[in-house]
Amino acid sequence: MQRDGCVGKKSRPTADILALKSQVHRTVVQTRVNGTSRKLRMLCNSALNYACLAVIAEDINVSWQTNANLCAAVKDKALVLEELEQLRAVQTELTQQVTDLTSELERERSKVHALRAELDKHEKHDKAKVGCVTSRRCSAPETQLLVFD
């Protein structure tokens, strides 16, 4: 039977062997403590991770709500821009109509001016022939005054 490096006899453990046993025992205990510490750290980390996940989940919910609000605002702005574009098209059409009517009015004013000038010319001609108009011997046709407002 071999024990502690001795052959045959039982021997007492030496100081080196006792120190070695003590060191092994401390190592085993330390390993158990470290393992327990590791497990405790993992549990703490898990609890922290859970708390962090709860905060992250809350942040995600807030982000989704903000995103939904922004989406609704963008849709509203898109509708406003679409209505604005329609109103600008109507404005352009009305501006063109006003331009056309202004041109037509200027043409009509030119016609009225030309007719008045012609009328004035005929009235001067008729005043020169006053005796002719009153005696009815003149062959000039009677003219009417046309007034355009």
Protein backbone atom coordinates (compact mmCIF):
# COMPACT_ATOMS: atom_id res chain seq x y z
CA MET A 1 0.00 0.00 0.00
CA GLN A 2 1.36 3.31 -1.01
CA ARG A 3 0.54 6.42 0.80
CA ASP A 4 2.04 9.85 0.61
CA GLY A 5 5.01 8.64 -1.32
CA CYS A 6 5.96 5.99 1.26
CA VAL A 7 6.17 2.30 0.65
CA GLY A 8 4.90 -0.17 3.19
CA LYS A 9 4.47 1.92 6.36
CA LYS A 10 1.85 4.39 7.27
CA SER A 11 3.50 7.67 7.73
CA ARG A 12 2.36 10.92 9.11
CA PRO A 13 1.72 13.68 6.71
CA THR A 14 4.53 16.10 6.51
CA ALA A 15 4.20 19.86 6.62
CA ASP A 16 4.56 20.10 2.83
CA ILE A 17 1.74 17.63 2.36
CA LEU A 18 -0.46 19.46 4.84
CA ALA A 19 0.30 22.76 3.15
CA LEU A 20 -0.52 21.20 -0.21
CA LYS A 21 -3.79 19.79 1.12
CA SER A 22 -4.66 23.15 2.59
CA GLN A 23 -3.88 24.86 -0.70
CA VAL A 24 -6.05 22.34 -2.58
CA HIS A 25 -8.86 22.87 -0.09
CA ARG A 26 -8.57 26.68 -0.48
CA THR A 27 -8.56 26.29 -4.26
CA VAL A 28 -11.68 24.12 -4.16
CA VAL A 29 -13.41 26.58 -1.86
CA GLN A 30 -12.22 29.49 -3.97
CA THR A 31 -13.48 27.76 -7.11
CA ARG A 32 -16.85 27.20 -5.47
CA VAL A 33 -16.97 30.83 -4.35
CA ASN A 34 -15.90 32.00 -7.80
CA GLY A 35 -18.52 29.79 -9.41
CA THR A 36 -21.12 31.13 -7.04
CA SER A 37 -19.91 34.65 -7.68
CA ARG A 38 -20.08 34.03 -11.41
CA LYS A 39 -23.61 32.69 -11.02
CA LEU A 40 -24.56 35.68 -8.89
CA ARG A 41 -23.02 38.03 -11.45
CA MET A 42 -24.89 36.25 -14.23
CA LEU A 43 -28.14 36.55 -12.25
CA CYS A 44 -27.44 40.24 -11.60
CA ASN A 45 -26.61 40.71 -15.24
CA SER A 46 -29.82 38.90 -16.14
CA ALA A 47 -31.77 41.16 -13.83
CA LEU A 48 -30.00 44.20 -15.26
CA ASN A 49 -30.58 42.88 -18.76
CA TYR A 50 -34.26 42.41 -17.94
CA ALA A 51 -34.44 45.96 -16.61
CA CYS A 52 -32.59 47.21 -19.67
CA LEU A 53 -34.94 45.25 -21.92
CA ALA A 54 -37.92 46.79 -20.15
CA VAL A 55 -36.47 50.27 -20.72
CA ILE A 56 -35.70 49.42 -24.34
CA ALA A 57 -39.23 48.06 -24.84
CA GLU A 58 -40.65 51.29 -23.42
CA ASP A 59 -38.36 53.31 -25.72
CA ILE A 60 -39.54 51.25 -28.68
CA ASN A 61 -43.19 51.89 -27.76
CA VAL A 62 -42.52 55.61 -27.49
CA SER A 63 -40.69 55.51 -30.84
CA TRP A 64 -43.60 53.70 -32.49
CA GLN A 65 -46.06 56.24 -31.12
CA THR A 66 -43.86 59.11 -32.30
CA ASN A 67 -43.52 57.44 -35.69
CA ALA A 68 -47.31 57.08 -35.94
CA ASN A 69 -47.76 60.76 -35.05
CA LEU A 70 -45.15 61.82 -37.61
CA CYS A 71 -46.77 59.63 -40.25
CA ALA A 72 -50.15 61.25 -39.60
CA ALA A 73 -48.57 64.71 -39.79
CA VAL A 74 -46.86 63.86 -43.10
CA LYS A 75 -50.17 62.59 -44.51
CA ASP A 76 -51.88 65.82 -43.46
CA LYS A 77 -49.13 67.89 -45.06
CA ALA A 78 -49.37 65.83 -48.24
CA LEU A 79 -53.10 66.54 -48.42
CA VAL A 80 -52.47 70.25 -47.85
CA LEU A 81 -49.82 70.27 -50.60
CA GLU A 82 -52.20 68.49 -52.98
CA GLU A 83 -54.93 71.05 -52.26
CA LEU A 84 -52.40 73.85 -52.69
CA GLU A 85 -51.43 72.48 -56.10
CA GLN A 86 -55.11 72.39 -57.14
CA LEU A 87 -55.59 75.96 -55.94
CA ARG A 88 -52.53 77.09 -57.88
CA ALA A 89 -53.96 75.48 -61.02
CA VAL A 90 -57.23 77.38 -60.48
CA GLN A 91 -55.25 80.58 -59.86
CA THR A 92 -53.34 80.09 -63.12
CA GLU A 93 -56.58 79.49 -65.02
CA LEU A 94 -58.24 82.57 -63.51
CA THR A 95 -55.16 84.69 -64.23
CA GLN A 96 -55.31 83.59 -67.88
CA GLN A 97 -59.01 84.44 -68.05
CA VAL A 98 -58.37 87.91 -66.56
CA THR A 99 -55.57 88.45 -69.09
CA ASP A 100 -57.85 87.42 -71.95
CA LEU A 101 -60.68 89.66 -70.72
CA THR A 102 -58.29 92.59 -70.29
CA SER A 103 -57.10 92.15 -73.87
CA GLU A 104 -60.68 91.96 -75.12
CA LEU A 105 -61.57 95.10 -73.13
CA GLU A 106 -58.65 96.98 -74.68
CA ARG A 107 -59.77 95.92 -78.16
CA GLU A 108 -63.30 97.12 -77.41
CA ARG A 109 -61.98 100.42 -76.07
CA SER A 110 -59.96 100.84 -79.26
CA LYS A 111 -63.10 100.22 -81.33
CA VAL A 112 -65.06 102.75 -79.25
CA HIS A 113 -62.26 105.29 -79.60
CA ALA A 114 -62.16 104.78 -83.36
CA LEU A 115 -65.95 105.10 -83.61
CA ARG A 116 -65.95 108.28 -81.51
CA ALA A 117 -63.19 109.73 -83.66
CA GLU A 118 -65.23 108.94 -86.75
CA LEU A 119 -68.33 110.40 -85.13
CA ASP A 120 -66.47 113.59 -84.22
CA LYS A 121 -65.25 113.81 -87.80
CA HIS A 122 -68.80 113.49 -89.09
CA GLU A 123 -70.12 116.02 -86.57
CA LYS A 124 -67.50 118.57 -87.69
CA HIS A 125 -68.47 117.84 -91.25
CA ASP A 126 -72.13 118.28 -90.36
CA LYS A 127 -71.51 121.56 -88.51
CA ALA A 128 -69.88 122.90 -91.64
CA LYS A 129 -73.03 122.07 -93.50
CA VAL A 130 -75.51 123.39 -90.93
CA GLY A 131 -77.63 125.08 -93.47
CA CYS A 132 -77.78 121.88 -95.49
CA VAL A 133 -79.00 119.76 -92.56
CA THR A 134 -81.68 122.22 -91.52
CA SER A 135 -82.98 122.80 -95.00
CA ARG A 136 -82.80 119.15 -95.93
CA ARG A 137 -81.17 119.82 -99.22
CA CYS A 138 -78.00 117.98 -98.28
CA SER A 139 -77.55 114.35 -99.17
CA ALA A 140 -75.49 113.50 -96.01
CA PRO A 141 -77.11 110.75 -93.93
CA GLU A 142 -78.14 111.50 -90.37
CA THR A 143 -75.84 110.02 -87.78
CA GLN A 144 -76.59 108.85 -84.27
CA LEU A 145 -74.31 109.17 -81.33
CA LEU A 146 -73.36 105.75 -80.00
CA VAL A 147 -72.30 105.68 -76.35
CA PHE A 148 -70.48 102.66 -74.86
CA ASP A 149 -69.95 102.50 -71.17
